[in-house]
Amino acid sequence: MTRLEIILLLLIAILLGSCGTEKAQTDAERQDNIPMEVKTDTLTKHLKPFNADLPTIGLVMYNGVLQSEVIATSDVFAKPTEAGEQLFNVVTIAETEEPITTEEGIRILPDYTFMSCPKLEALFIPSAYDMYSQVHNERIVAFIKERNNEAKYIVSNCAGAQLVGASGIADGKKIVTWIGGGEQLQKDYPNLKVQNDSLVTFVEDGKFSSSNGNLASYISALKLLEKMTSPEHRKFVESYLYLDRLQNWEE
């Protein structure tokens, strides 16, 4: 190979390398001009962390539970203050860690089991259309008895009153259940002071309160919220939930 051929080969190599460098620079510049995709961690954004310094509201769950009675309580107590401050921990509790299937078919993963549940300030006991399995479940009844010793408030909605009756924790106290269920509740648990469910929507007797259930569960939750906070905060939560829009809504 002559000297001239060697020089030509070197020149070609230099030119090719230069083109490659320019292409890489051009690609990098184009990459800089492409807007980066913004990824949002929606779970972290909406997850309310458990704060051991806050009172904890516990919601008992089991298969067949009426989801409106679970949602009502969480709806009310999970709302922040007007300044955006978290006031409560709201947790769901079940016998196992397996997902719970509601009466309406929605699956909910419980936060805690009966064994791992933290200390509770209030315990809400919702209902199902068929309470036989729950009333005869010794673990659920035992859990309610145990947590009654620490909880300042016990709330039952609808047929959740049957679990209160089976546990014996509210003997001698006033209680109301679903509309049409009071007569049988009184027969099954004669030590309860069962109120006329055709006239009474909500009743409170000491640390115990109860409602007819379903959407009336908002009443029991809001009543307790006011007691644990203030009338002003209850009013704020009601406005947050647009409950005022349910008044004369057909107009």
Protein backbone atom coordinates (compact mmCIF):
# COMPACT_ATOMS: atom_id res chain seq x y z
CA MET A 1 0.00 0.00 0.00
CA THR A 2 1.44 3.36 -1.01
CA ARG A 3 1.75 6.34 1.27
CA LEU A 4 -1.00 8.09 -0.68
CA GLU A 5 -3.42 5.18 -0.14
CA ILE A 6 -2.68 5.17 3.58
CA ILE A 7 -3.38 8.92 3.83
CA LEU A 8 -6.69 8.50 1.96
CA LEU A 9 -7.81 5.71 4.29
CA LEU A 10 -7.00 7.83 7.35
CA LEU A 11 -8.98 10.77 5.94
CA ILE A 12 -12.01 8.52 5.27
CA ALA A 13 -11.88 7.13 8.85
CA ILE A 14 -11.71 10.64 10.30
CA LEU A 15 -14.69 11.79 8.21
CA LEU A 16 -16.78 8.76 9.18
CA GLY A 17 -16.00 9.26 12.88
CA SER A 18 -16.93 12.90 12.65
CA CYS A 19 -20.28 12.07 11.05
CA GLY A 20 -20.99 9.55 13.80
CA THR A 21 -20.21 12.13 16.49
CA GLU A 22 -22.42 14.73 14.84
CA LYS A 23 -25.28 12.21 14.60
CA ALA A 24 -24.93 11.30 18.27
CA GLN A 25 -24.94 14.98 19.23
CA THR A 26 -28.02 15.60 17.07
CA ASP A 27 -29.86 12.64 18.65
CA ALA A 28 -28.97 13.87 22.13
CA GLU A 29 -30.25 17.36 21.32
CA ARG A 30 -33.51 15.90 20.02
CA GLN A 31 -33.83 13.81 23.18
CA ASP A 32 -33.38 16.94 25.31
CA ASN A 33 -36.24 18.62 23.49
CA ILE A 34 -38.69 15.73 24.06
CA PRO A 35 -40.85 16.39 27.15
CA MET A 36 -40.28 13.73 29.80
CA GLU A 37 -43.31 11.68 30.81
CA VAL A 38 -44.49 12.69 34.27
CA LYS A 39 -45.39 9.64 36.34
CA THR A 40 -47.71 10.08 39.31
CA ASP A 41 -47.84 7.58 42.14
CA THR A 42 -51.57 7.77 42.75
CA LEU A 43 -51.49 5.27 45.61
CA THR A 44 -48.97 7.32 47.59
CA LYS A 45 -50.82 10.50 46.75
CA HIS A 46 -54.11 9.33 48.21
CA LEU A 47 -52.91 6.95 50.92
CA LYS A 48 -53.55 8.28 54.42
CA PRO A 49 -50.69 7.12 56.63
CA PHE A 50 -51.44 5.50 59.98
CA ASN A 51 -50.58 7.99 62.71
CA ALA A 52 -50.24 6.42 66.15
CA ASP A 53 -50.94 9.80 67.75
CA LEU A 54 -54.43 9.97 66.23
CA PRO A 55 -57.57 8.14 67.44
CA THR A 56 -58.38 5.07 65.37
CA ILE A 57 -61.82 4.25 64.01
CA GLY A 58 -62.29 0.52 63.33
CA LEU A 59 -64.79 -0.97 60.88
CA VAL A 60 -65.58 -4.67 61.28
CA MET A 61 -66.03 -6.49 57.96
CA TYR A 62 -67.09 -9.95 56.86
CA ASN A 63 -68.38 -11.55 53.67
CA GLY A 64 -71.81 -10.25 52.76
CA VAL A 65 -71.40 -6.96 54.63
CA LEU A 66 -73.46 -4.05 53.31
CA GLN A 67 -70.87 -1.80 51.73
CA SER A 68 -72.88 1.39 52.30
CA GLU A 69 -72.41 0.90 56.04
CA VAL A 70 -68.65 0.56 55.62
CA ILE A 71 -68.41 3.46 53.19
CA ALA A 72 -70.53 5.81 55.32
CA THR A 73 -68.21 5.58 58.30
CA SER A 74 -65.02 5.91 56.26
CA ASP A 75 -66.56 8.74 54.24
CA VAL A 76 -67.20 10.76 57.38
CA PHE A 77 -64.13 10.06 59.50
CA ALA A 78 -61.53 10.10 56.71
CA LYS A 79 -62.32 13.70 55.77
CA PRO A 80 -59.68 16.22 56.88
CA THR A 81 -60.26 19.49 58.66
CA GLU A 82 -60.93 22.61 56.64
CA ALA A 83 -57.19 23.28 56.88
CA GLY A 84 -56.40 19.84 55.42
CA GLU A 85 -55.35 18.19 58.70
CA GLN A 86 -55.94 14.45 59.22
CA LEU A 87 -57.92 13.81 62.40
CA PHE A 88 -58.40 10.02 62.49
CA ASN A 89 -57.03 6.71 61.36
CA VAL A 90 -59.82 4.78 59.65
CA VAL A 91 -59.12 1.05 59.36
CA THR A 92 -61.02 -2.04 58.22
CA ILE A 93 -60.79 -5.24 60.25
CA ALA A 94 -61.69 -8.82 59.37
CA GLU A 95 -61.08 -12.30 60.69
CA THR A 96 -58.38 -13.01 58.10
CA GLU A 97 -56.27 -11.12 55.57
CA GLU A 98 -58.34 -12.48 52.68
CA PRO A 99 -60.42 -9.99 50.65
CA ILE A 100 -63.97 -9.47 51.86
CA THR A 101 -66.78 -9.61 49.30
CA THR A 102 -69.63 -7.25 50.10
CA GLU A 103 -73.32 -7.98 49.53
CA GLU A 104 -73.06 -5.84 46.41
CA GLY A 105 -70.08 -7.80 45.04
CA ILE A 106 -67.27 -5.33 45.71
CA ARG A 107 -64.08 -6.89 47.10
CA ILE A 108 -62.28 -5.06 49.92
CA LEU A 109 -58.90 -5.98 51.34
CA PRO A 110 -58.95 -5.51 55.15
CA ASP A 111 -56.22 -3.43 56.78
CA TYR A 112 -55.97 -5.64 59.87
CA THR A 113 -57.11 -8.95 61.26
CA PHE A 114 -58.68 -9.46 64.68
CA MET A 115 -55.22 -10.45 65.94
CA SER A 116 -53.25 -7.53 64.46
CA CYS A 117 -55.77 -4.73 64.97
CA PRO A 118 -54.36 -1.63 66.73
CA LYS A 119 -56.00 0.05 69.70
CA LEU A 120 -59.41 1.49 68.80
CA GLU A 121 -61.12 4.64 69.93
CA ALA A 122 -64.39 3.65 68.26
CA LEU A 123 -65.68 0.40 66.77
CA PHE A 124 -68.36 0.36 64.08
CA ILE A 125 -70.33 -2.84 63.53
CA PRO A 126 -72.14 -2.98 60.17
CA SER A 127 -74.64 -5.59 59.02
CA ALA A 128 -75.49 -8.15 56.37
CA TYR A 129 -78.84 -9.35 55.07
CA ASP A 130 -78.14 -12.75 56.61
CA MET A 131 -76.53 -12.44 60.04
CA TYR A 132 -76.74 -16.08 61.06
CA SER A 133 -73.13 -16.90 60.18
CA GLN A 134 -71.81 -13.79 61.90
CA VAL A 135 -73.81 -14.15 65.11
CA HIS A 136 -72.62 -17.76 65.38
CA ASN A 137 -69.00 -16.88 64.61
CA GLU A 138 -67.32 -17.03 68.02
CA ARG A 139 -64.26 -15.14 66.78
CA ILE A 140 -66.23 -12.09 65.68
CA VAL A 141 -68.27 -12.05 68.88
CA ALA A 142 -65.12 -12.47 70.99
CA PHE A 143 -63.39 -9.64 69.10
CA ILE A 144 -66.30 -7.28 69.82
CA LYS A 145 -66.27 -8.22 73.50
CA GLU A 146 -62.54 -7.67 73.74
CA ARG A 147 -62.50 -4.32 71.96
CA ASN A 148 -65.43 -3.06 74.02
CA ASN A 149 -63.01 -2.98 76.96
CA GLU A 150 -60.83 -0.34 75.30
CA ALA A 151 -63.07 1.50 72.84
CA LYS A 152 -64.78 4.65 74.07
CA TYR A 153 -67.57 4.25 71.53
CA ILE A 154 -69.39 1.29 70.00
CA VAL A 155 -71.69 1.90 67.02
CA SER A 156 -73.94 -0.64 65.31
CA ASN A 157 -75.84 -0.09 62.09
CA CYS A 158 -78.85 -2.09 60.90
CA ALA A 159 -78.56 -5.78 61.85
CA GLY A 160 -75.14 -5.14 63.36
CA ALA A 161 -77.27 -4.80 66.50
CA GLN A 162 -77.50 -8.60 66.51
CA LEU A 163 -73.75 -8.87 67.03
CA VAL A 164 -74.00 -6.36 69.85
CA GLY A 165 -76.74 -8.50 71.36
CA ALA A 166 -74.77 -11.72 70.93
CA SER A 167 -71.74 -10.17 72.63
CA GLY A 168 -73.76 -8.98 75.63
CA ILE A 169 -71.79 -5.73 75.82
CA ALA A 170 -74.86 -3.45 75.71
CA ASP A 171 -77.26 -5.30 77.99
CA GLY A 172 -79.64 -2.80 79.58
CA LYS A 173 -78.90 -0.19 76.91
CA LYS A 174 -81.15 1.31 74.24
CA ILE A 175 -80.57 0.06 70.70
CA VAL A 176 -82.27 0.25 67.31
CA THR A 177 -81.95 -1.99 64.28
CA TRP A 178 -83.25 -2.19 60.72
CA ILE A 179 -86.83 -1.21 60.03
CA GLY A 180 -88.88 -4.30 60.81
CA GLY A 181 -86.20 -6.13 62.75
CA GLY A 182 -86.78 -4.82 66.25
CA GLU A 183 -89.34 -7.39 67.41
CA GLN A 184 -87.09 -10.35 66.61
CA LEU A 185 -84.05 -8.59 68.07
CA GLN A 186 -85.89 -8.14 71.36
CA LYS A 187 -86.91 -11.82 71.42
CA ASP A 188 -83.38 -13.00 70.70
CA TYR A 189 -81.71 -10.63 73.18
CA PRO A 190 -84.22 -9.70 75.91
CA ASN A 191 -81.60 -7.80 77.91
CA LEU A 192 -81.43 -5.10 75.23
CA LYS A 193 -83.80 -2.13 75.31
CA VAL A 194 -84.85 -2.34 71.67
CA GLN A 195 -86.43 0.85 70.34
CA ASN A 196 -89.33 1.11 67.90
CA ASP A 197 -87.52 1.02 64.54
CA SER A 198 -90.56 2.39 62.69
CA LEU A 199 -90.18 5.64 64.64
CA VAL A 200 -86.52 5.74 65.70
CA THR A 201 -83.70 6.18 63.18
CA PHE A 202 -80.84 6.72 65.61
CA VAL A 203 -80.44 6.20 69.33
CA GLU A 204 -77.60 6.79 71.77
CA ASP A 205 -77.19 5.35 75.26
CA GLY A 206 -73.87 6.03 76.97
CA LYS A 207 -70.98 4.79 74.83
CA PHE A 208 -73.36 2.84 72.58
CA SER A 209 -75.20 4.21 69.55
CA SER A 210 -77.07 2.58 66.69
CA SER A 211 -79.04 3.34 63.55
CA ASN A 212 -81.38 1.69 61.03
CA GLY A 213 -78.36 1.22 58.76
CA ASN A 214 -77.84 1.62 55.02
CA LEU A 215 -77.65 5.39 54.30
CA ALA A 216 -78.85 6.10 57.85
CA SER A 217 -75.33 4.97 58.79
CA TYR A 218 -74.22 8.48 57.85
CA ILE A 219 -76.31 9.73 60.76
CA SER A 220 -74.57 7.54 63.33
CA ALA A 221 -71.16 8.45 61.89
CA LEU A 222 -71.86 12.19 61.82
CA LYS A 223 -73.32 12.13 65.34
CA LEU A 224 -70.18 10.51 66.71
CA LEU A 225 -67.93 12.74 64.62
CA GLU A 226 -69.51 15.81 66.20
CA LYS A 227 -69.02 14.36 69.68
CA MET A 228 -65.35 13.59 68.98
CA THR A 229 -64.61 16.91 67.26
CA SER A 230 -67.07 19.82 67.12
CA PRO A 231 -70.36 20.92 65.52
CA GLU A 232 -68.33 23.11 63.17
CA HIS A 233 -66.29 20.18 61.86
CA ARG A 234 -69.43 18.08 61.37
CA LYS A 235 -70.94 20.91 59.34
CA PHE A 236 -67.77 21.12 57.25
CA VAL A 237 -67.83 17.36 56.55
CA GLU A 238 -71.51 17.51 55.61
CA SER A 239 -70.72 20.25 53.09
CA TYR A 240 -67.68 18.26 51.89
CA LEU A 241 -69.99 15.32 51.16
CA TYR A 242 -72.66 17.53 49.50
CA LEU A 243 -75.24 16.14 51.90
CA ASP A 244 -77.19 19.38 51.56
CA ARG A 245 -77.80 18.44 47.90
CA LEU A 246 -79.90 15.48 49.04
CA GLN A 247 -82.48 17.87 50.44
CA ASN A 248 -85.24 18.62 47.93
CA TRP A 249 -83.09 17.06 45.24
CA GLU A 250 -86.02 16.53 42.88
CA GLU A 251 -86.30 20.30 42.57
